[in-house]
Amino acid sequence: MIDGLTDPFIKDKVIDVLSNFPSEHILYSFSRQRLRVSTTPTGMMTLIRTLATRHIDIYYASLPQRAHHQSHIS
């Protein structure tokens, strides 16, 4: 969750970082004050560090919950 993501200036700043980000593969989408990113764990750490050094306030970053495979034993 990023502070001020509804502000066009902040959102533009985040898009600039994402578009110039030196990662092998990154997918992202915006929804209200959330930025959803899919990349490698190393890429995510670098992205968080880059956003923080560009004075973008990050409230928190979380991993998505994984779906557990259910198996039936008969």
C-alpha atoms as a PDB file:
ATOM      1  CA  MET A   1       0.000   0.000   0.000  1.00  0.00           C
ATOM      2  CA  ILE A   2       1.425   3.353  -1.038  1.00  0.00           C
ATOM      3  CA  ASP A   3       0.593   6.709   0.549  1.00  0.00           C
ATOM      4  CA  GLY A   4      -0.920   9.208  -1.897  1.00  0.00           C
ATOM      5  CA  LEU A   5      -1.361   6.826  -4.821  1.00  0.00           C
ATOM      6  CA  THR A   6      -4.616   8.584  -5.732  1.00  0.00           C
ATOM      7  CA  ASP A   7      -2.611  11.788  -6.327  1.00  0.00           C
ATOM      8  CA  PRO A   8      -1.700  12.018 -10.054  1.00  0.00           C
ATOM      9  CA  PHE A   9       1.807  13.329  -9.255  1.00  0.00           C
ATOM     10  CA  ILE A  10       2.632  10.394  -6.957  1.00  0.00           C
ATOM     11  CA  LYS A  11       1.071   7.879  -9.347  1.00  0.00           C
ATOM     12  CA  ASP A  12       3.111   9.308 -12.242  1.00  0.00           C
ATOM     13  CA  LYS A  13       6.272   9.082 -10.129  1.00  0.00           C
ATOM     14  CA  VAL A  14       5.542   5.409  -9.364  1.00  0.00           C
ATOM     15  CA  ILE A  15       4.862   4.664 -13.047  1.00  0.00           C
ATOM     16  CA  ASP A  16       8.194   6.282 -13.986  1.00  0.00           C
ATOM     17  CA  VAL A  17      10.018   4.036 -11.514  1.00  0.00           C
ATOM     18  CA  LEU A  18       8.193   0.936 -12.763  1.00  0.00           C
ATOM     19  CA  SER A  19       8.749   1.674 -16.448  1.00  0.00           C
ATOM     20  CA  ASN A  20      12.486   2.305 -15.959  1.00  0.00           C
ATOM     21  CA  PHE A  21      12.959  -0.538 -13.495  1.00  0.00           C
ATOM     22  CA  PRO A  22      15.895  -2.816 -14.377  1.00  0.00           C
ATOM     23  CA  SER A  23      14.161  -6.134 -13.748  1.00  0.00           C
ATOM     24  CA  GLU A  24      13.974  -9.167 -15.954  1.00  0.00           C
ATOM     25  CA  HIS A  25      10.172  -9.261 -15.851  1.00  0.00           C
ATOM     26  CA  ILE A  26       7.656  -7.168 -13.925  1.00  0.00           C
ATOM     27  CA  LEU A  27       3.860  -6.974 -14.144  1.00  0.00           C
ATOM     28  CA  TYR A  28       1.891  -4.350 -12.235  1.00  0.00           C
ATOM     29  CA  SER A  29      -1.598  -2.928 -11.827  1.00  0.00           C
ATOM     30  CA  PHE A  30      -3.143  -0.158  -9.744  1.00  0.00           C
ATOM     31  CA  SER A  31      -6.291  -0.248  -7.627  1.00  0.00           C
ATOM     32  CA  ARG A  32      -7.099   2.709  -5.354  1.00  0.00           C
ATOM     33  CA  GLN A  33      -4.138   2.987  -2.977  1.00  0.00           C
ATOM     34  CA  ARG A  34      -2.696  -0.412  -3.842  1.00  0.00           C
ATOM     35  CA  LEU A  35      -0.039  -1.320  -6.315  1.00  0.00           C
ATOM     36  CA  ARG A  36      -0.066  -4.997  -7.250  1.00  0.00           C
ATOM     37  CA  VAL A  37       3.270  -6.253  -8.546  1.00  0.00           C
ATOM     38  CA  SER A  38       4.345  -9.647  -9.867  1.00  0.00           C
ATOM     39  CA  THR A  39       8.079 -10.246 -10.049  1.00  0.00           C
ATOM     40  CA  THR A  40      10.799 -12.326  -8.432  1.00  0.00           C
ATOM     41  CA  PRO A  41      11.505 -11.893  -4.694  1.00  0.00           C
ATOM     42  CA  THR A  42      14.832 -10.228  -5.495  1.00  0.00           C
ATOM     43  CA  GLY A  43      13.109  -7.912  -7.962  1.00  0.00           C
ATOM     44  CA  MET A  44      10.496  -7.039  -5.334  1.00  0.00           C
ATOM     45  CA  MET A  45      13.154  -6.132  -2.751  1.00  0.00           C
ATOM     46  CA  THR A  46      14.928  -3.929  -5.284  1.00  0.00           C
ATOM     47  CA  LEU A  47      11.646  -2.293  -6.293  1.00  0.00           C
ATOM     48  CA  ILE A  48      10.707  -1.493  -2.673  1.00  0.00           C
ATOM     49  CA  ARG A  49      14.164  -0.034  -2.049  1.00  0.00           C
ATOM     50  CA  THR A  50      13.963   2.044  -5.254  1.00  0.00           C
ATOM     51  CA  LEU A  51      10.507   3.413  -4.412  1.00  0.00           C
ATOM     52  CA  ALA A  52      11.605   4.276  -0.867  1.00  0.00           C
ATOM     53  CA  THR A  53      14.724   6.116  -2.043  1.00  0.00           C
ATOM     54  CA  ARG A  54      12.558   8.137  -4.450  1.00  0.00           C
ATOM     55  CA  HIS A  55      10.580   9.459  -1.444  1.00  0.00           C
ATOM     56  CA  ILE A  56       7.485   7.346  -2.044  1.00  0.00           C
ATOM     57  CA  ASP A  57       5.938   6.284   1.273  1.00  0.00           C
ATOM     58  CA  ILE A  58       5.116   2.586   1.440  1.00  0.00           C
ATOM     59  CA  TYR A  59       2.692   1.586   4.229  1.00  0.00           C
ATOM     60  CA  TYR A  60       3.310  -2.130   3.858  1.00  0.00           C
ATOM     61  CA  ALA A  61       4.174  -4.847   1.380  1.00  0.00           C
ATOM     62  CA  SER A  62       2.687  -8.304   1.622  1.00  0.00           C
ATOM     63  CA  LEU A  63       2.860 -11.626  -0.139  1.00  0.00           C
ATOM     64  CA  PRO A  64      -0.336 -12.922  -1.733  1.00  0.00           C
ATOM     65  CA  GLN A  65      -1.897 -15.908  -0.012  1.00  0.00           C
ATOM     66  CA  ARG A  66      -1.182 -19.116  -1.815  1.00  0.00           C
ATOM     67  CA  ALA A  67      -3.936 -21.553  -2.642  1.00  0.00           C
ATOM     68  CA  HIS A  68      -3.425 -24.856  -0.877  1.00  0.00           C
ATOM     69  CA  HIS A  69      -3.974 -27.985  -2.894  1.00  0.00           C
ATOM     70  CA  GLN A  70      -6.464 -30.306  -1.299  1.00  0.00           C
ATOM     71  CA  SER A  71      -6.167 -34.025  -1.717  1.00  0.00           C
ATOM     72  CA  HIS A  72      -8.801 -36.567  -0.845  1.00  0.00           C
ATOM     73  CA  ILE A  73      -7.769 -39.798   0.771  1.00  0.00           C
ATOM     74  CA  SER A  74     -10.148 -42.687   0.303  1.00  0.00           C
END
